PDB file of N, CA and C in Angstrom:
ATOM      1  N   UNK A   1      98.183 107.576 124.458  1.00  0.00           N
ATOM      2  CA  UNK A   1      98.267 106.303 123.740  1.00  0.00           C
ATOM      3  C   UNK A   1      97.831 105.191 124.678  1.00  0.00           C
ATOM      4  N   UNK A   2      97.033 104.280 124.192  1.00  0.00           N
ATOM      5  CA  UNK A   2      96.540 103.172 124.985  1.00  0.00           C
ATOM      6  C   UNK A   2      97.595 102.077 125.065  1.00  0.00           C
ATOM      7  N   UNK A   3      97.889 101.634 126.271  1.00  0.00           N
ATOM      8  CA  UNK A   3      98.828 100.536 126.466  1.00  0.00           C
ATOM      9  C   UNK A   3      98.016  99.302 126.826  1.00  0.00           C
ATOM     10  N   UNK A   4      98.242  98.229 126.118  1.00  0.00           N
ATOM     11  CA  UNK A   4      97.497  97.007 126.360  1.00  0.00           C
ATOM     12  C   UNK A   4      97.796  96.407 127.715  1.00  0.00           C
ATOM     13  N   UNK A   5      96.868  95.583 128.205  1.00  0.00           N
ATOM     14  CA  UNK A   5      97.005  94.951 129.516  1.00  0.00           C
ATOM     15  C   UNK A   5      98.249  94.077 129.560  1.00  0.00           C
ATOM     16  N   UNK A   6      98.508  93.342 128.482  1.00  0.00           N
ATOM     17  CA  UNK A   6      99.678  92.462 128.461  1.00  0.00           C
ATOM     18  C   UNK A   6     100.965  93.275 128.600  1.00  0.00           C
ATOM     19  N   UNK A   7     101.008  94.451 127.981  1.00  0.00           N
ATOM     20  CA  UNK A   7     102.198  95.285 128.103  1.00  0.00           C
ATOM     21  C   UNK A   7     102.344  95.811 129.527  1.00  0.00           C
ATOM     22  N   UNK A   8     101.224  96.180 130.154  1.00  0.00           N
ATOM     23  CA  UNK A   8     101.291  96.662 131.529  1.00  0.00           C
ATOM     24  C   UNK A   8     101.767  95.563 132.470  1.00  0.00           C
ATOM     25  N   UNK A   9     101.237  94.363 132.283  1.00  0.00           N
ATOM     26  CA  UNK A   9     101.642  93.241 133.129  1.00  0.00           C
ATOM     27  C   UNK A   9     103.122  92.957 132.929  1.00  0.00           C
ATOM     28  N   UNK A  10     103.560  92.956 131.688  1.00  0.00           N
ATOM     29  CA  UNK A  10     104.968  92.699 131.411  1.00  0.00           C
ATOM     30  C   UNK A  10     105.831  93.815 131.995  1.00  0.00           C
ATOM     31  N   UNK A  11     105.383  95.055 131.877  1.00  0.00           N
ATOM     32  CA  UNK A  11     106.186  96.191 132.344  1.00  0.00           C
ATOM     33  C   UNK A  11     106.339  96.186 133.859  1.00  0.00           C
ATOM     34  N   UNK A  12     105.273  95.794 134.574  1.00  0.00           N
ATOM     35  CA  UNK A  12     105.317  95.838 136.038  1.00  0.00           C
ATOM     36  C   UNK A  12     105.588  94.470 136.653  1.00  0.00           C
ATOM     37  N   UNK A  13     106.067  93.524 135.886  1.00  0.00           N
ATOM     38  CA  UNK A  13     106.327  92.183 136.382  1.00  0.00           C
ATOM     39  C   UNK A  13     107.492  92.195 137.371  1.00  0.00           C
ATOM     40  N   UNK A  14     107.337  91.508 138.485  1.00  0.00           N
ATOM     41  CA  UNK A  14     108.431  91.448 139.467  1.00  0.00           C
ATOM     42  C   UNK A  14     109.552  90.496 139.048  1.00  0.00           C
ATOM     43  N   UNK A  15     109.367  89.764 137.958  1.00  0.00           N
ATOM     44  CA  UNK A  15     110.387  88.836 137.523  1.00  0.00           C
ATOM     45  C   UNK A  15     111.598  89.615 137.015  1.00  0.00           C
ATOM     46  N   UNK A  16     112.786  89.152 137.318  1.00  0.00           N
ATOM     47  CA  UNK A  16     113.972  89.863 136.843  1.00  0.00           C
ATOM     48  C   UNK A  16     114.122  89.749 135.326  1.00  0.00           C
ATOM     49  N   UNK A  17     114.459  90.872 134.712  1.00  0.00           N
ATOM     50  CA  UNK A  17     114.711  90.881 133.276  1.00  0.00           C
ATOM     51  C   UNK A  17     113.467  90.970 132.413  1.00  0.00           C
ATOM     52  N   UNK A  18     112.298  91.065 133.051  1.00  0.00           N
ATOM     53  CA  UNK A  18     111.058  91.155 132.293  1.00  0.00           C
ATOM     54  C   UNK A  18     110.528  92.574 132.432  1.00  0.00           C
ATOM     55  N   UNK A  19     110.128  93.163 131.332  1.00  0.00           N
ATOM     56  CA  UNK A  19     109.539  94.491 131.374  1.00  0.00           C
ATOM     57  C   UNK A  19     110.546  95.591 131.612  1.00  0.00           C
ATOM     58  N   UNK A  20     111.770  95.376 131.195  1.00  0.00           N
ATOM     59  CA  UNK A  20     112.795  96.371 131.464  1.00  0.00           C
ATOM     60  C   UNK A  20     112.804  97.503 130.444  1.00  0.00           C
ATOM     61  N   UNK A  21     112.048  97.364 129.359  1.00  0.00           N
ATOM     62  CA  UNK A  21     112.072  98.404 128.340  1.00  0.00           C
ATOM     63  C   UNK A  21     111.228  99.589 128.788  1.00  0.00           C
ATOM     64  N   UNK A  22     111.724 100.769 128.543  1.00  0.00           N
ATOM     65  CA  UNK A  22     110.982 101.968 128.896  1.00  0.00           C
ATOM     66  C   UNK A  22     110.056 102.341 127.751  1.00  0.00           C
ATOM     67  N   UNK A  23     109.174 103.295 127.998  1.00  0.00           N
ATOM     68  CA  UNK A  23     108.254 103.723 126.948  1.00  0.00           C
ATOM     69  C   UNK A  23     109.007 104.366 125.797  1.00  0.00           C
ATOM     70  N   UNK A  24     110.074 105.118 126.099  1.00  0.00           N
ATOM     71  CA  UNK A  24     110.815 105.766 125.020  1.00  0.00           C
ATOM     72  C   UNK A  24     111.490 104.724 124.131  1.00  0.00           C
ATOM     73  N   UNK A  25     111.969 103.634 124.714  1.00  0.00           N
ATOM     74  CA  UNK A  25     112.570 102.566 123.918  1.00  0.00           C
ATOM     75  C   UNK A  25     111.514 101.925 123.029  1.00  0.00           C
ATOM     76  N   UNK A  26     110.320 101.701 123.594  1.00  0.00           N
ATOM     77  CA  UNK A  26     109.241 101.125 122.795  1.00  0.00           C
ATOM     78  C   UNK A  26     108.826 102.072 121.686  1.00  0.00           C
ATOM     79  N   UNK A  27     108.779 103.367 121.951  1.00  0.00           N
ATOM     80  CA  UNK A  27     108.399 104.341 120.933  1.00  0.00           C
ATOM     81  C   UNK A  27     109.418 104.344 119.794  1.00  0.00           C
ATOM     82  N   UNK A  28     110.709 104.258 120.125  1.00  0.00           N
ATOM     83  CA  UNK A  28     111.731 104.201 119.086  1.00  0.00           C
ATOM     84  C   UNK A  28     111.581 102.929 118.260  1.00  0.00           C
ATOM     85  N   UNK A  29     111.288 101.815 118.939  1.00  0.00           N
ATOM     86  CA  UNK A  29     111.108 100.548 118.246  1.00  0.00           C
ATOM     87  C   UNK A  29     109.913 100.626 117.305  1.00  0.00           C
ATOM     88  N   UNK A  30     108.795 101.231 117.783  1.00  0.00           N
ATOM     89  CA  UNK A  30     107.615 101.356 116.942  1.00  0.00           C
ATOM     90  C   UNK A  30     107.895 102.270 115.760  1.00  0.00           C
ATOM     91  N   UNK A  31     108.689 103.334 115.971  1.00  0.00           N
ATOM     92  CA  UNK A  31     109.035 104.234 114.881  1.00  0.00           C
ATOM     93  C   UNK A  31     109.883 103.506 113.844  1.00  0.00           C
ATOM     94  N   UNK A  32     110.823 102.681 114.296  1.00  0.00           N
ATOM     95  CA  UNK A  32     111.641 101.913 113.364  1.00  0.00           C
ATOM     96  C   UNK A  32     110.766 100.933 112.595  1.00  0.00           C
ATOM     97  N   UNK A  33     109.780 100.340 113.271  1.00  0.00           N
ATOM     98  CA  UNK A  33     108.876  99.418 112.584  1.00  0.00           C
ATOM     99  C   UNK A  33     108.062 100.151 111.526  1.00  0.00           C
ATOM    100  N   UNK A  34     107.655 101.385 111.807  1.00  0.00           N
ATOM    101  CA  UNK A  34     106.890 102.157 110.840  1.00  0.00           C
ATOM    102  C   UNK A  34     107.736 102.479 109.612  1.00  0.00           C
ATOM    103  N   UNK A  35     108.980 102.893 109.824  1.00  0.00           N
ATOM    104  CA  UNK A  35     109.870 103.201 108.708  1.00  0.00           C
ATOM    105  C   UNK A  35     110.125 101.943 107.882  1.00  0.00           C
ATOM    106  N   UNK A  36     110.363 100.830 108.559  1.00  0.00           N
ATOM    107  CA  UNK A  36     110.591  99.563 107.848  1.00  0.00           C
ATOM    108  C   UNK A  36     109.347  99.156 107.077  1.00  0.00           C
ATOM    109  N   UNK A  37     108.186  99.344 107.668  1.00  0.00           N
ATOM    110  CA  UNK A  37     106.935  99.007 107.000  1.00  0.00           C
ATOM    111  C   UNK A  37     106.771  99.830 105.719  1.00  0.00           C
ATOM    112  N   UNK A  38     107.048 101.123 105.791  1.00  0.00           N
ATOM    113  CA  UNK A  38     106.910 101.983 104.618  1.00  0.00           C
ATOM    114  C   UNK A  38     107.904 101.573 103.535  1.00  0.00           C
ATOM    115  N   UNK A  39     109.154 101.316 103.918  1.00  0.00           N
ATOM    116  CA  UNK A  39     110.152 100.880 102.940  1.00  0.00           C
ATOM    117  C   UNK A  39     109.748  99.558 102.292  1.00  0.00           C
ATOM    118  N   UNK A  40     109.285  98.608 103.110  1.00  0.00           N
ATOM    119  CA  UNK A  40     108.857  97.310 102.577  1.00  0.00           C
ATOM    120  C   UNK A  40     107.649  97.461 101.650  1.00  0.00           C
ATOM    121  N   UNK A  41     106.751  98.364 101.994  1.00  0.00           N
ATOM    122  CA  UNK A  41     105.572  98.581 101.153  1.00  0.00           C
ATOM    123  C   UNK A  41     105.970  99.105  99.780  1.00  0.00           C
ATOM    124  N   UNK A  42     106.883 100.086  99.750  1.00  0.00           N
ATOM    125  CA  UNK A  42     107.328 100.610  98.457  1.00  0.00           C
ATOM    126  C   UNK A  42     108.062  99.550  97.646  1.00  0.00           C
ATOM    127  N   UNK A  43     108.858  98.735  98.317  1.00  0.00           N
ATOM    128  CA  UNK A  43     109.569  97.674  97.590  1.00  0.00           C
ATOM    129  C   UNK A  43     108.574  96.674  97.001  1.00  0.00           C
ATOM    130  N   UNK A  44     107.546  96.335  97.773  1.00  0.00           N
ATOM    131  CA  UNK A  44     106.542  95.400  97.274  1.00  0.00           C
ATOM    132  C   UNK A  44     105.791  95.993  96.089  1.00  0.00           C
ATOM    133  N   UNK A  45     105.454  97.276  96.169  1.00  0.00           N
ATOM    134  CA  UNK A  45     104.773  97.925  95.044  1.00  0.00           C
ATOM    135  C   UNK A  45     105.652  97.942  93.798  1.00  0.00           C
ATOM    136  N   UNK A  46     106.941  98.134  93.996  1.00  0.00           N
ATOM    137  CA  UNK A  46     107.864  98.226  92.872  1.00  0.00           C
ATOM    138  C   UNK A  46     108.144  96.854  92.249  1.00  0.00           C
ATOM    139  N   UNK A  47     108.310  95.823  93.072  1.00  0.00           N
ATOM    140  CA  UNK A  47     108.829  94.550  92.570  1.00  0.00           C
ATOM    141  C   UNK A  47     107.829  93.393  92.535  1.00  0.00           C
ATOM    142  N   UNK A  48     106.805  93.415  93.367  1.00  0.00           N
ATOM    143  CA  UNK A  48     105.956  92.233  93.487  1.00  0.00           C
ATOM    144  C   UNK A  48     104.541  92.418  92.950  1.00  0.00           C
ATOM    145  N   UNK A  49     104.133  93.659  92.688  1.00  0.00           N
ATOM    146  CA  UNK A  49     102.780  93.903  92.203  1.00  0.00           C
ATOM    147  C   UNK A  49     102.785  93.853  90.683  1.00  0.00           C
ATOM    148  N   UNK A  50     101.815  93.149  90.126  1.00  0.00           N
ATOM    149  CA  UNK A  50     101.714  93.125  88.665  1.00  0.00           C
ATOM    150  C   UNK A  50     100.742  94.231  88.252  1.00  0.00           C
ATOM    151  N   UNK A  51     101.253  95.181  87.500  1.00  0.00           N
ATOM    152  CA  UNK A  51     100.494  96.340  87.077  1.00  0.00           C
ATOM    153  C   UNK A  51      99.941  96.100  85.680  1.00  0.00           C
ATOM    154  N   UNK A  52      98.798  96.752  85.377  1.00  0.00           N
ATOM    155  CA  UNK A  52      98.262  96.677  84.023  1.00  0.00           C
ATOM    156  C   UNK A  52      99.119  97.555  83.118  1.00  0.00           C
ATOM    157  N   UNK A  53      99.014  97.325  81.817  1.00  0.00           N
ATOM    158  CA  UNK A  53      99.816  98.105  80.880  1.00  0.00           C
ATOM    159  C   UNK A  53      99.304  99.547  80.830  1.00  0.00           C
ATOM    160  N   UNK A  54     100.158 100.456  80.332  1.00  0.00           N
ATOM    161  CA  UNK A  54      99.814 101.867  80.242  1.00  0.00           C
ATOM    162  C   UNK A  54      98.609 102.065  79.321  1.00  0.00           C
ATOM    163  N   UNK A  55      98.563 101.323  78.212  1.00  0.00           N
ATOM    164  CA  UNK A  55      97.452 101.447  77.272  1.00  0.00           C
ATOM    165  C   UNK A  55      96.141 101.007  77.910  1.00  0.00           C
ATOM    166  N   UNK A  56      96.188  99.912  78.651  1.00  0.00           N
ATOM    167  CA  UNK A  56      94.987  99.425  79.320  1.00  0.00           C
ATOM    168  C   UNK A  56      94.521 100.413  80.391  1.00  0.00           C
ATOM    169  N   UNK A  57      95.459 101.030  81.089  1.00  0.00           N
ATOM    170  CA  UNK A  57      95.106 102.028  82.096  1.00  0.00           C
ATOM    171  C   UNK A  57      94.433 103.235  81.454  1.00  0.00           C
ATOM    172  N   UNK A  58      94.935 103.652  80.294  1.00  0.00           N
ATOM    173  CA  UNK A  58      94.329 104.783  79.582  1.00  0.00           C
ATOM    174  C   UNK A  58      92.918 104.442  79.119  1.00  0.00           C
ATOM    175  N   UNK A  59      92.733 103.250  78.580  1.00  0.00           N
ATOM    176  CA  UNK A  59      91.402 102.834  78.121  1.00  0.00           C
ATOM    177  C   UNK A  59      90.423 102.763  79.285  1.00  0.00           C
ATOM    178  N   UNK A  60      90.864 102.204  80.393  1.00  0.00           N
ATOM    179  CA  UNK A  60      89.999 102.103  81.568  1.00  0.00           C
ATOM    180  C   UNK A  60      89.633 103.489  82.095  1.00  0.00           C
ATOM    181  N   UNK A  61      90.578 104.410  82.053  1.00  0.00           N
ATOM    182  CA  UNK A  61      90.318 105.775  82.513  1.00  0.00           C
ATOM    183  C   UNK A  61      89.263 106.450  81.646  1.00  0.00           C
ATOM    184  N   UNK A  62      89.348 106.247  80.339  1.00  0.00           N
ATOM    185  CA  UNK A  62      88.359 106.835  79.428  1.00  0.00           C
ATOM    186  C   UNK A  62      86.979 106.245  79.690  1.00  0.00           C
ATOM    187  N   UNK A  63      86.899 104.941  79.872  1.00  0.00           N
ATOM    188  CA  UNK A  63      85.616 104.292  80.141  1.00  0.00           C
ATOM    189  C   UNK A  63      85.013 104.828  81.439  1.00  0.00           C
ATOM    190  N   UNK A  64      85.818 104.948  82.479  1.00  0.00           N
ATOM    191  CA  UNK A  64      85.328 105.471  83.766  1.00  0.00           C
ATOM    192  C   UNK A  64      84.860 106.908  83.607  1.00  0.00           C
ATOM    193  N   UNK A  65      85.618 107.733  82.872  1.00  0.00           N
ATOM    194  CA  UNK A  65      85.236 109.133  82.673  1.00  0.00           C
ATOM    195  C   UNK A  65      83.903 109.234  81.931  1.00  0.00           C
ATOM    196  N   UNK A  66      83.717 108.429  80.889  1.00  0.00           N
ATOM    197  CA  UNK A  66      82.469 108.462  80.117  1.00  0.00           C
ATOM    198  C   UNK A  66      81.279 108.065  80.987  1.00  0.00           C
ATOM    199  N   UNK A  67      81.414 106.971  81.733  1.00  0.00           N
ATOM    200  CA  UNK A  67      80.301 106.545  82.580  1.00  0.00           C
ATOM    201  C   UNK A  67      80.049 107.511  83.730  1.00  0.00           C
ATOM    202  N   UNK A  68      81.062 108.205  84.198  1.00  0.00           N
ATOM    203  CA  UNK A  68      80.871 109.221  85.230  1.00  0.00           C
ATOM    204  C   UNK A  68      80.029 110.369  84.689  1.00  0.00           C
ATOM    205  N   UNK A  69      80.328 110.819  83.484  1.00  0.00           N
ATOM    206  CA  UNK A  69      79.554 111.899  82.865  1.00  0.00           C
ATOM    207  C   UNK A  69      78.117 111.443  82.618  1.00  0.00           C
ATOM    208  N   UNK A  70      77.945 110.228  82.099  1.00  0.00           N
ATOM    209  CA  UNK A  70      76.595 109.717  81.853  1.00  0.00           C
ATOM    210  C   UNK A  70      75.781 109.606  83.148  1.00  0.00           C
ATOM    211  N   UNK A  71      76.402 109.128  84.196  1.00  0.00           N
ATOM    212  CA  UNK A  71      75.713 109.002  85.478  1.00  0.00           C
ATOM    213  C   UNK A  71      75.364 110.383  86.036  1.00  0.00           C
ATOM    214  N   UNK A  72      76.275 111.347  85.899  1.00  0.00           N
ATOM    215  CA  UNK A  72      76.003 112.709  86.361  1.00  0.00           C
ATOM    216  C   UNK A  72      74.823 113.308  85.598  1.00  0.00           C
ATOM    217  N   UNK A  73      74.768 113.084  84.286  1.00  0.00           N
ATOM    218  CA  UNK A  73      73.637 113.571  83.484  1.00  0.00           C
ATOM    219  C   UNK A  73      72.330 112.904  83.916  1.00  0.00           C
ATOM    220  N   UNK A  74      72.371 111.612  84.189  1.00  0.00           N
ATOM    221  CA  UNK A  74      71.172 110.906  84.632  1.00  0.00           C
ATOM    222  C   UNK A  74      70.680 111.471  85.962  1.00  0.00           C
ATOM    223  N   UNK A  75      71.577 111.698  86.894  1.00  0.00           N
ATOM    224  CA  UNK A  75      71.196 112.265  88.193  1.00  0.00           C
ATOM    225  C   UNK A  75      70.627 113.668  87.997  1.00  0.00           C
ATOM    226  N   UNK A  76      71.240 114.467  87.133  1.00  0.00           N
ATOM    227  CA  UNK A  76      70.754 115.813  86.839  1.00  0.00           C
ATOM    228  C   UNK A  76      69.336 115.775  86.288  1.00  0.00           C
ATOM    229  N   UNK A  77      69.085 114.868  85.334  1.00  0.00           N
ATOM    230  CA  UNK A  77      67.746 114.787  84.742  1.00  0.00           C
ATOM    231  C   UNK A  77      66.694 114.358  85.762  1.00  0.00           C
ATOM    232  N   UNK A  78      67.019 113.376  86.579  1.00  0.00           N
ATOM    233  CA  UNK A  78      66.079 112.936  87.613  1.00  0.00           C
ATOM    234  C   UNK A  78      65.810 114.079  88.584  1.00  0.00           C
ATOM    235  N   UNK A  79      66.841 114.815  88.965  1.00  0.00           N
ATOM    236  CA  UNK A  79      66.685 115.950  89.868  1.00  0.00           C
ATOM    237  C   UNK A  79      65.785 117.014  89.244  1.00  0.00           C
ATOM    238  N   UNK A  80      65.985 117.305  87.952  1.00  0.00           N
ATOM    239  CA  UNK A  80      65.159 118.299  87.264  1.00  0.00           C
ATOM    240  C   UNK A  80      63.701 117.857  87.207  1.00  0.00           C
ATOM    241  N   UNK A  81      63.466 116.581  86.929  1.00  0.00           N
ATOM    242  CA  UNK A  81      62.097 116.066  86.878  1.00  0.00           C
ATOM    243  C   UNK A  81      61.423 116.226  88.235  1.00  0.00           C
ATOM    244  N   UNK A  82      62.092 115.840  89.307  1.00  0.00           N
ATOM    245  CA  UNK A  82      61.522 115.995  90.643  1.00  0.00           C
ATOM    246  C   UNK A  82      61.313 117.463  90.986  1.00  0.00           C
ATOM    247  N   UNK A  83      62.266 118.314  90.642  1.00  0.00           N
ATOM    248  CA  UNK A  83      62.147 119.745  90.930  1.00  0.00           C
ATOM    249  C   UNK A  83      60.934 120.333  90.219  1.00  0.00           C
ATOM    250  N   UNK A  84      60.801 120.031  88.947  1.00  0.00           N
ATOM    251  CA  UNK A  84      59.671 120.543  88.164  1.00  0.00           C
ATOM    252  C   UNK A  84      58.352 119.989  88.697  1.00  0.00           C
ATOM    253  N   UNK A  85      58.334 118.707  88.968  1.00  0.00           N
ATOM    254  CA  UNK A  85      57.115 118.079  89.484  1.00  0.00           C
ATOM    255  C   UNK A  85      56.684 118.667  90.816  1.00  0.00           C
ATOM    256  N   UNK A  86      57.611 118.824  91.731  1.00  0.00           N
ATOM    257  CA  UNK A  86      57.274 119.376  93.038  1.00  0.00           C
ATOM    258  C   UNK A  86      56.884 120.850  92.939  1.00  0.00           C
ATOM    259  N   UNK A  87      57.541 121.597  92.058  1.00  0.00           N
ATOM    260  CA  UNK A  87      57.188 123.010  91.876  1.00  0.00           C
ATOM    261  C   UNK A  87      55.752 123.130  91.363  1.00  0.00           C
ATOM    262  N   UNK A  88      55.408 122.327  90.379  1.00  0.00           N
ATOM    263  CA  UNK A  88      54.040 122.358  89.840  1.00  0.00           C
ATOM    264  C   UNK A  88      53.028 121.885  90.883  1.00  0.00           C
ATOM    265  N   UNK A  89      53.409 120.891  91.673  1.00  0.00           N
ATOM    266  CA  UNK A  89      52.507 120.380  92.709  1.00  0.00           C
ATOM    267  C   UNK A  89      52.211 121.460  93.744  1.00  0.00           C
ATOM    268  N   UNK A  90      53.247 122.176  94.209  1.00  0.00           N
ATOM    269  CA  UNK A  90      53.038 123.190  95.239  1.00  0.00           C
ATOM    270  C   UNK A  90      52.377 124.457  94.687  1.00  0.00           C
ATOM    271  N   UNK A  91      52.362 124.660  93.367  1.00  0.00           N
ATOM    272  CA  UNK A  91      51.632 125.777  92.783  1.00  0.00           C
ATOM    273  C   UNK A  91      50.122 125.566  92.889  1.00  0.00           C
ATOM    274  N   UNK A  92      49.702 124.315  93.070  1.00  0.00           N
ATOM    275  CA  UNK A  92      48.285 124.017  93.190  1.00  0.00           C
ATOM    276  C   UNK A  92      47.691 124.544  94.498  1.00  0.00           C
ATOM    277  N   UNK A  93      48.518 124.776  95.491  1.00  0.00           N
ATOM    278  CA  UNK A  93      48.007 125.204  96.800  1.00  0.00           C
ATOM    279  C   UNK A  93      48.122 126.676  96.974  1.00  0.00           C
TER     280      UNK A  93
END
């Protein structure tokens, strides 16, 4: 793990009471921050995010699915045209 220059300076500072935390203490603190971050994120998703309605989500999903199929068909057709064209071109030689 990379330790920043400021942390190294603080850790090795000759001043009394500065840099007294060990790496294990910092690791525990970072782990607690991660757990708190995850809990806060779930709370924000639950209480502060405005979600679209279930019906609107279903309609949007159908629209995305239809356009995905149409785009896949378009790519398939273009690929077939190029494949056929190149096959016929190389038959000339």
